[in-house]
């Protein structure tokens, strides 16, 4: 694995600090402006994929519904099992909110 670029890491931390201070609508607007349409599609697809995994759907069902490869789903599954705790907590929270209807 390559060493993280300190300039990139610094910029990402700065971005994260600003994003945390925004409301939901403002955050959505910033993301839509900052990211290109293909980047938005990829991020939204990744998010949906890991949420579906957390909900308990099978990899084959997800592949069929989203039209993605099992390889991408396996990567998402790995992140849910071994990825950073903050990521796993965010996915769990999103799924719980969805299930509660909030």
C-alpha atoms as a PDB file:
ATOM      1  CA  UNK A   1       0.000   0.000   0.000  1.00  0.00           C
ATOM      2  CA  UNK A   2       1.293   3.452  -0.860  1.00  0.00           C
ATOM      3  CA  UNK A   3       2.063   6.081   1.748  1.00  0.00           C
ATOM      4  CA  UNK A   4      -0.669   8.744   2.051  1.00  0.00           C
ATOM      5  CA  UNK A   5       0.271  12.119   0.581  1.00  0.00           C
ATOM      6  CA  UNK A   6       0.390  14.599   3.472  1.00  0.00           C
ATOM      7  CA  UNK A   7      -0.987  17.413   1.285  1.00  0.00           C
ATOM      8  CA  UNK A   8      -3.933  15.254   0.247  1.00  0.00           C
ATOM      9  CA  UNK A   9      -4.559  14.120   3.816  1.00  0.00           C
ATOM     10  CA  UNK A  10      -4.412  17.710   5.038  1.00  0.00           C
ATOM     11  CA  UNK A  11      -6.881  18.839   2.395  1.00  0.00           C
ATOM     12  CA  UNK A  12      -9.249  15.943   3.190  1.00  0.00           C
ATOM     13  CA  UNK A  13      -9.162  16.748   6.899  1.00  0.00           C
ATOM     14  CA  UNK A  14      -9.855  20.409   6.125  1.00  0.00           C
ATOM     15  CA  UNK A  15     -12.774  19.393   3.895  1.00  0.00           C
ATOM     16  CA  UNK A  16     -14.124  17.040   6.562  1.00  0.00           C
ATOM     17  CA  UNK A  17     -14.005  19.824   9.163  1.00  0.00           C
ATOM     18  CA  UNK A  18     -16.004  22.136   6.916  1.00  0.00           C
ATOM     19  CA  UNK A  19     -18.508  19.438   5.893  1.00  0.00           C
ATOM     20  CA  UNK A  20     -19.210  18.549   9.525  1.00  0.00           C
ATOM     21  CA  UNK A  21     -20.315  22.128  10.151  1.00  0.00           C
ATOM     22  CA  UNK A  22     -22.942  22.102   7.379  1.00  0.00           C
ATOM     23  CA  UNK A  23     -26.584  21.152   7.447  1.00  0.00           C
ATOM     24  CA  UNK A  24     -27.886  18.287   5.323  1.00  0.00           C
ATOM     25  CA  UNK A  25     -29.064  20.478   2.426  1.00  0.00           C
ATOM     26  CA  UNK A  26     -25.881  22.535   2.391  1.00  0.00           C
ATOM     27  CA  UNK A  27     -23.758  19.396   2.470  1.00  0.00           C
ATOM     28  CA  UNK A  28     -25.695  17.915  -0.439  1.00  0.00           C
ATOM     29  CA  UNK A  29     -25.191  21.111  -2.438  1.00  0.00           C
ATOM     30  CA  UNK A  30     -21.456  21.194  -1.719  1.00  0.00           C
ATOM     31  CA  UNK A  31     -21.027  17.527  -2.715  1.00  0.00           C
ATOM     32  CA  UNK A  32     -23.015  18.023  -5.917  1.00  0.00           C
ATOM     33  CA  UNK A  33     -20.861  21.021  -6.801  1.00  0.00           C
ATOM     34  CA  UNK A  34     -17.531  19.525  -5.785  1.00  0.00           C
ATOM     35  CA  UNK A  35     -17.974  16.140  -7.457  1.00  0.00           C
ATOM     36  CA  UNK A  36     -18.490  15.445 -11.148  1.00  0.00           C
ATOM     37  CA  UNK A  37     -21.622  13.514 -12.162  1.00  0.00           C
ATOM     38  CA  UNK A  38     -19.641  10.255 -12.609  1.00  0.00           C
ATOM     39  CA  UNK A  39     -17.986  10.720  -9.187  1.00  0.00           C
ATOM     40  CA  UNK A  40     -21.408  11.301  -7.597  1.00  0.00           C
ATOM     41  CA  UNK A  41     -22.730   8.152  -9.261  1.00  0.00           C
ATOM     42  CA  UNK A  42     -19.804   6.061  -8.028  1.00  0.00           C
ATOM     43  CA  UNK A  43     -20.039   7.309  -4.460  1.00  0.00           C
ATOM     44  CA  UNK A  44     -23.819   6.874  -4.348  1.00  0.00           C
ATOM     45  CA  UNK A  45     -23.484   3.346  -5.742  1.00  0.00           C
ATOM     46  CA  UNK A  46     -20.810   2.425  -3.186  1.00  0.00           C
ATOM     47  CA  UNK A  47     -22.939   3.817  -0.379  1.00  0.00           C
ATOM     48  CA  UNK A  48     -26.028   1.924  -1.531  1.00  0.00           C
ATOM     49  CA  UNK A  49     -23.987  -1.275  -1.926  1.00  0.00           C
ATOM     50  CA  UNK A  50     -22.598  -1.245   1.619  1.00  0.00           C
ATOM     51  CA  UNK A  51     -25.981  -0.295   3.063  1.00  0.00           C
ATOM     52  CA  UNK A  52     -27.575  -3.240   1.260  1.00  0.00           C
ATOM     53  CA  UNK A  53     -24.877  -5.527   2.646  1.00  0.00           C
ATOM     54  CA  UNK A  54     -25.538  -4.209   6.151  1.00  0.00           C
ATOM     55  CA  UNK A  55     -29.256  -4.845   5.625  1.00  0.00           C
ATOM     56  CA  UNK A  56     -28.403  -8.505   5.014  1.00  0.00           C
ATOM     57  CA  UNK A  57     -28.986  -8.813   1.276  1.00  0.00           C
ATOM     58  CA  UNK A  58     -26.919 -11.438  -0.488  1.00  0.00           C
ATOM     59  CA  UNK A  59     -24.068 -10.432  -2.736  1.00  0.00           C
ATOM     60  CA  UNK A  60     -25.831 -11.970  -5.734  1.00  0.00           C
ATOM     61  CA  UNK A  61     -29.049 -10.054  -4.999  1.00  0.00           C
ATOM     62  CA  UNK A  62     -27.068  -6.803  -4.740  1.00  0.00           C
ATOM     63  CA  UNK A  63     -25.181  -7.549  -7.956  1.00  0.00           C
ATOM     64  CA  UNK A  64     -28.453  -8.178  -9.731  1.00  0.00           C
ATOM     65  CA  UNK A  65     -30.209  -5.085  -8.383  1.00  0.00           C
ATOM     66  CA  UNK A  66     -27.322  -2.645  -8.826  1.00  0.00           C
ATOM     67  CA  UNK A  67     -25.680  -4.167 -11.888  1.00  0.00           C
ATOM     68  CA  UNK A  68     -22.241  -4.340 -10.271  1.00  0.00           C
ATOM     69  CA  UNK A  69     -19.639  -7.079 -10.144  1.00  0.00           C
ATOM     70  CA  UNK A  70     -19.299  -9.467  -7.236  1.00  0.00           C
ATOM     71  CA  UNK A  71     -15.723  -8.172  -6.900  1.00  0.00           C
ATOM     72  CA  UNK A  72     -16.988  -4.678  -5.982  1.00  0.00           C
ATOM     73  CA  UNK A  73     -19.453  -6.154  -3.529  1.00  0.00           C
ATOM     74  CA  UNK A  74     -16.761  -8.290  -1.946  1.00  0.00           C
ATOM     75  CA  UNK A  75     -14.638  -5.175  -1.433  1.00  0.00           C
ATOM     76  CA  UNK A  76     -17.582  -3.466   0.290  1.00  0.00           C
ATOM     77  CA  UNK A  77     -18.123  -6.546   2.445  1.00  0.00           C
ATOM     78  CA  UNK A  78     -14.472  -6.488   3.468  1.00  0.00           C
ATOM     79  CA  UNK A  79     -14.744  -2.829   4.476  1.00  0.00           C
ATOM     80  CA  UNK A  80     -17.817  -3.596   6.592  1.00  0.00           C
ATOM     81  CA  UNK A  81     -15.918  -6.333   8.404  1.00  0.00           C
ATOM     82  CA  UNK A  82     -12.442  -4.835   8.680  1.00  0.00           C
ATOM     83  CA  UNK A  83     -12.687  -1.165   7.698  1.00  0.00           C
ATOM     84  CA  UNK A  84     -12.401   1.778  10.052  1.00  0.00           C
ATOM     85  CA  UNK A  85     -14.830   1.756  12.959  1.00  0.00           C
ATOM     86  CA  UNK A  86     -16.209   5.176  11.982  1.00  0.00           C
ATOM     87  CA  UNK A  87     -17.154   3.836   8.538  1.00  0.00           C
ATOM     88  CA  UNK A  88     -18.887   0.790   9.987  1.00  0.00           C
ATOM     89  CA  UNK A  89     -20.754   2.917  12.526  1.00  0.00           C
ATOM     90  CA  UNK A  90     -21.909   5.321   9.801  1.00  0.00           C
ATOM     91  CA  UNK A  91     -23.309   2.475   7.716  1.00  0.00           C
ATOM     92  CA  UNK A  92     -25.081   0.924  10.717  1.00  0.00           C
ATOM     93  CA  UNK A  93     -26.555   4.290  11.644  1.00  0.00           C
ATOM     94  CA  UNK A  94     -27.802   4.898   8.093  1.00  0.00           C
ATOM     95  CA  UNK A  95     -29.451   1.476   7.923  1.00  0.00           C
ATOM     96  CA  UNK A  96     -31.043   1.875  11.361  1.00  0.00           C
ATOM     97  CA  UNK A  97     -32.431   5.286  10.396  1.00  0.00           C
ATOM     98  CA  UNK A  98     -33.781   3.871   7.138  1.00  0.00           C
ATOM     99  CA  UNK A  99     -35.434   0.972   8.946  1.00  0.00           C
ATOM    100  CA  UNK A 100     -36.930   3.344  11.529  1.00  0.00           C
ATOM    101  CA  UNK A 101     -38.283   5.508   8.728  1.00  0.00           C
ATOM    102  CA  UNK A 102     -36.392   8.652   9.708  1.00  0.00           C
END
